[in-house]
Protein backbone atom coordinates (compact mmCIF):
# COMPACT_ATOMS: atom_id res chain seq x y z
CA UNK A 1 0.00 0.00 0.00
CA UNK A 2 2.87 2.41 0.73
CA UNK A 3 4.24 1.68 -2.72
CA UNK A 4 0.91 2.62 -4.25
CA UNK A 5 0.91 6.01 -2.49
CA UNK A 6 4.46 6.68 -3.67
CA UNK A 7 3.49 5.79 -7.23
CA UNK A 8 0.37 7.95 -7.04
CA UNK A 9 2.36 10.86 -5.63
CA UNK A 10 5.00 10.43 -8.29
CA UNK A 11 2.38 10.31 -11.02
CA UNK A 12 0.52 13.41 -9.81
CA UNK A 13 3.82 15.20 -9.20
CA UNK A 14 4.77 14.47 -12.82
CA UNK A 15 1.47 15.92 -14.05
CA UNK A 16 1.75 19.01 -11.88
CA UNK A 17 5.32 19.65 -13.00
CA UNK A 18 4.14 19.37 -16.61
CA UNK A 19 1.34 21.92 -16.08
CA UNK A 20 3.45 25.12 -16.19
CA UNK A 21 5.07 24.08 -19.45
CA UNK A 22 1.73 23.19 -21.02
CA UNK A 23 0.46 26.56 -19.76
CA UNK A 24 3.29 28.40 -21.53
CA UNK A 25 2.55 26.47 -24.73
CA UNK A 26 -1.16 27.32 -24.37
CA UNK A 27 -0.37 31.04 -24.01
CA UNK A 28 1.73 30.91 -27.20
CA UNK A 29 -1.09 29.11 -29.04
CA UNK A 30 -3.67 31.62 -27.81
CA UNK A 31 -1.58 34.68 -28.77
CA UNK A 32 -0.73 33.13 -32.12
CA UNK A 33 -4.32 32.31 -33.01
CA UNK A 34 -5.73 35.64 -31.79
CA UNK A 35 -3.23 37.61 -33.87
CA UNK A 36 -3.87 35.47 -36.96
CA UNK A 37 -7.65 35.81 -36.64
CA UNK A 38 -7.28 39.57 -36.19
CA UNK A 39 -5.09 39.95 -39.28
CA UNK A 40 -7.50 37.78 -41.30
CA UNK A 41 -10.40 40.05 -40.28
CA UNK A 42 -8.57 43.34 -40.96
CA UNK A 43 -6.66 42.49 -44.16
CA UNK A 44 -7.30 40.91 -47.52
CA UNK A 45 -4.79 38.43 -48.88
CA UNK A 46 -1.63 40.25 -50.00
CA UNK A 47 -2.60 43.56 -48.40
CA UNK A 48 0.33 45.35 -46.81
CA UNK A 49 0.36 48.20 -44.30
CA UNK A 50 3.54 50.11 -43.55
CA UNK A 51 4.22 50.43 -39.82
CA UNK A 52 7.84 51.68 -39.84
CA UNK A 53 10.61 52.13 -42.39
CA UNK A 54 11.64 48.49 -41.79
CA UNK A 55 8.41 46.75 -40.72
CA UNK A 56 5.03 46.08 -42.38
CA UNK A 57 1.97 44.07 -41.55
CA UNK A 58 0.90 41.87 -44.45
CA UNK A 59 -1.52 38.99 -44.86
CA UNK A 60 0.40 36.14 -46.44
CA UNK A 61 -0.25 32.42 -46.70
CA UNK A 62 2.52 29.86 -46.45
CA UNK A 63 1.71 26.40 -47.77
CA UNK A 64 5.24 25.20 -47.09
CA UNK A 65 7.61 25.23 -44.14
CA UNK A 66 9.99 27.86 -42.84
CA UNK A 67 10.88 30.52 -45.41
CA UNK A 68 8.15 29.07 -47.70
CA UNK A 69 10.21 25.91 -48.29
CA UNK A 70 8.16 23.58 -50.54
CA UNK A 71 5.28 26.06 -50.73
CA UNK A 72 4.84 25.57 -54.49
CA UNK A 73 4.29 21.80 -54.26
CA UNK A 74 0.98 20.13 -55.10
CA UNK A 75 -0.43 20.01 -51.55
CA UNK A 76 1.18 16.90 -50.02
CA UNK A 77 3.36 19.18 -47.89
CA UNK A 78 0.31 20.24 -45.85
CA UNK A 79 -0.10 16.69 -44.50
CA UNK A 80 3.62 16.10 -44.21
CA UNK A 81 4.27 19.22 -42.09
CA UNK A 82 1.11 18.60 -40.05
CA UNK A 83 2.35 15.08 -39.24
CA UNK A 84 5.80 16.37 -38.35
CA UNK A 85 4.22 18.94 -36.02
CA UNK A 86 2.06 16.34 -34.29
CA UNK A 87 4.98 13.92 -33.84
CA UNK A 88 7.16 16.78 -32.53
CA UNK A 89 4.53 17.74 -29.95
CA UNK A 90 4.32 14.14 -28.73
CA UNK A 91 8.10 13.96 -28.39
CA UNK A 92 8.23 17.33 -26.64
CA UNK A 93 5.63 16.23 -24.06
CA UNK A 94 7.76 13.13 -23.42
CA UNK A 95 10.86 15.31 -22.93
CA UNK A 96 8.99 17.73 -20.67
CA UNK A 97 7.91 14.85 -18.43
CA UNK A 98 11.40 13.40 -18.36
CA UNK A 99 13.21 16.71 -17.70
CA UNK A 100 10.53 18.76 -15.90
CA UNK A 101 13.09 20.14 -13.43
CA UNK A 102 15.34 21.68 -16.09
CA UNK A 103 13.74 25.10 -16.34
CA UNK A 104 15.52 26.64 -19.33
CA UNK A 105 15.32 23.42 -21.33
CA UNK A 106 11.58 23.17 -20.59
CA UNK A 107 11.00 26.84 -21.45
CA UNK A 108 12.60 26.15 -24.83
CA UNK A 109 10.49 23.05 -25.39
CA UNK A 110 7.26 24.76 -24.30
CA UNK A 111 7.83 27.66 -26.71
CA UNK A 112 8.62 25.28 -29.57
CA UNK A 113 5.57 23.16 -28.76
CA UNK A 114 3.24 26.17 -28.62
CA UNK A 115 4.54 27.42 -31.95
CA UNK A 116 4.28 24.00 -33.56
CA UNK A 117 0.67 23.57 -32.41
CA UNK A 118 -0.22 27.09 -33.59
CA UNK A 119 1.02 26.31 -37.10
CA UNK A 120 -0.54 22.82 -37.11
CA UNK A 121 -3.92 24.41 -36.29
CA UNK A 122 -3.51 26.65 -39.35
CA UNK A 123 -2.56 23.77 -41.63
CA UNK A 124 -5.49 21.67 -40.47
CA UNK A 125 -8.06 24.50 -40.56
CA UNK A 126 -6.97 26.44 -43.66
CA UNK A 127 -4.43 24.31 -45.56
CA UNK A 128 -1.75 26.95 -45.03
CA UNK A 129 -0.07 28.93 -42.27
CA UNK A 130 -1.10 32.56 -41.84
CA UNK A 131 1.90 34.91 -41.74
CA UNK A 132 1.75 38.67 -41.18
CA UNK A 133 4.99 40.08 -39.74
CA UNK A 134 7.11 41.49 -42.56
CA UNK A 135 10.55 42.95 -41.90
CA UNK A 136 12.64 44.50 -44.65
CA UNK A 137 16.09 46.04 -44.66
CA UNK A 138 16.74 48.45 -47.51
CA UNK A 139 18.57 46.88 -50.41
CA UNK A 140 18.66 43.51 -48.63
CA UNK A 141 14.93 43.15 -49.33
CA UNK A 142 12.17 41.52 -47.35
CA UNK A 143 12.67 38.78 -44.82
CA UNK A 144 9.99 36.10 -45.37
CA UNK A 145 6.79 36.98 -43.48
CA UNK A 146 6.25 35.09 -40.24
CA UNK A 147 3.93 34.92 -37.22
CA UNK A 148 3.87 34.56 -33.42
CA UNK A 149 4.19 30.76 -33.66
CA UNK A 150 7.35 31.15 -35.74
CA UNK A 151 8.74 33.63 -33.22
CA UNK A 152 8.08 31.20 -30.37
CA UNK A 153 9.75 28.35 -32.26
CA UNK A 154 12.78 30.54 -33.03
CA UNK A 155 13.08 31.80 -29.45
CA UNK A 156 12.71 28.23 -28.18
CA UNK A 157 15.49 27.08 -30.52
CA UNK A 158 17.76 29.90 -29.31
CA UNK A 159 17.06 29.01 -25.66
CA UNK A 160 17.68 25.35 -26.44
CA UNK A 161 21.08 26.12 -28.00
CA UNK A 162 21.97 28.45 -25.12
CA UNK A 163 21.00 25.78 -22.58
CA UNK A 164 23.13 23.17 -24.35
CA UNK A 165 26.12 25.52 -24.57
CA UNK A 166 25.77 26.27 -20.86
CA UNK A 167 25.62 22.56 -20.07
CA UNK A 168 28.70 21.82 -22.21
CA UNK A 169 30.68 24.67 -20.61
CA UNK A 170 29.91 23.31 -17.11
CA UNK A 171 31.62 20.05 -18.00
């Protein structure tokens, strides 16, 4: 009976330690979807509004991956990138459970998971990802448009690399 209580405690402790990371991912998803819905309501496809000399808001659709990779394919990429996103989320939840005490690592994973889910929602609902943040730098041209989910994934990747570099330097 004592073993059962320990197992139960361990199981509920695992769930409770997973909750903050799922909460962070949920906040990313919520912000991502609210901003995309807002842009869809205020803009027509391709419409661009200048905000500063280096930043515009624009309604763009990305049927591919990062930087519109494979966006001109026949449509198979929608299912492929959706499947990758779903598998990634499953793996991230596994890693969050396994390493729940490693705060920076889990922050990185939670941001990546939130961004992945935000873009998977778009792919499943619309067949493309909604992008709207457009930075440009003079003669260098426009950076590909992106969204809050992409920002979360990028920030998560940066935190992940920083965490690994910190870990390597400790050894």
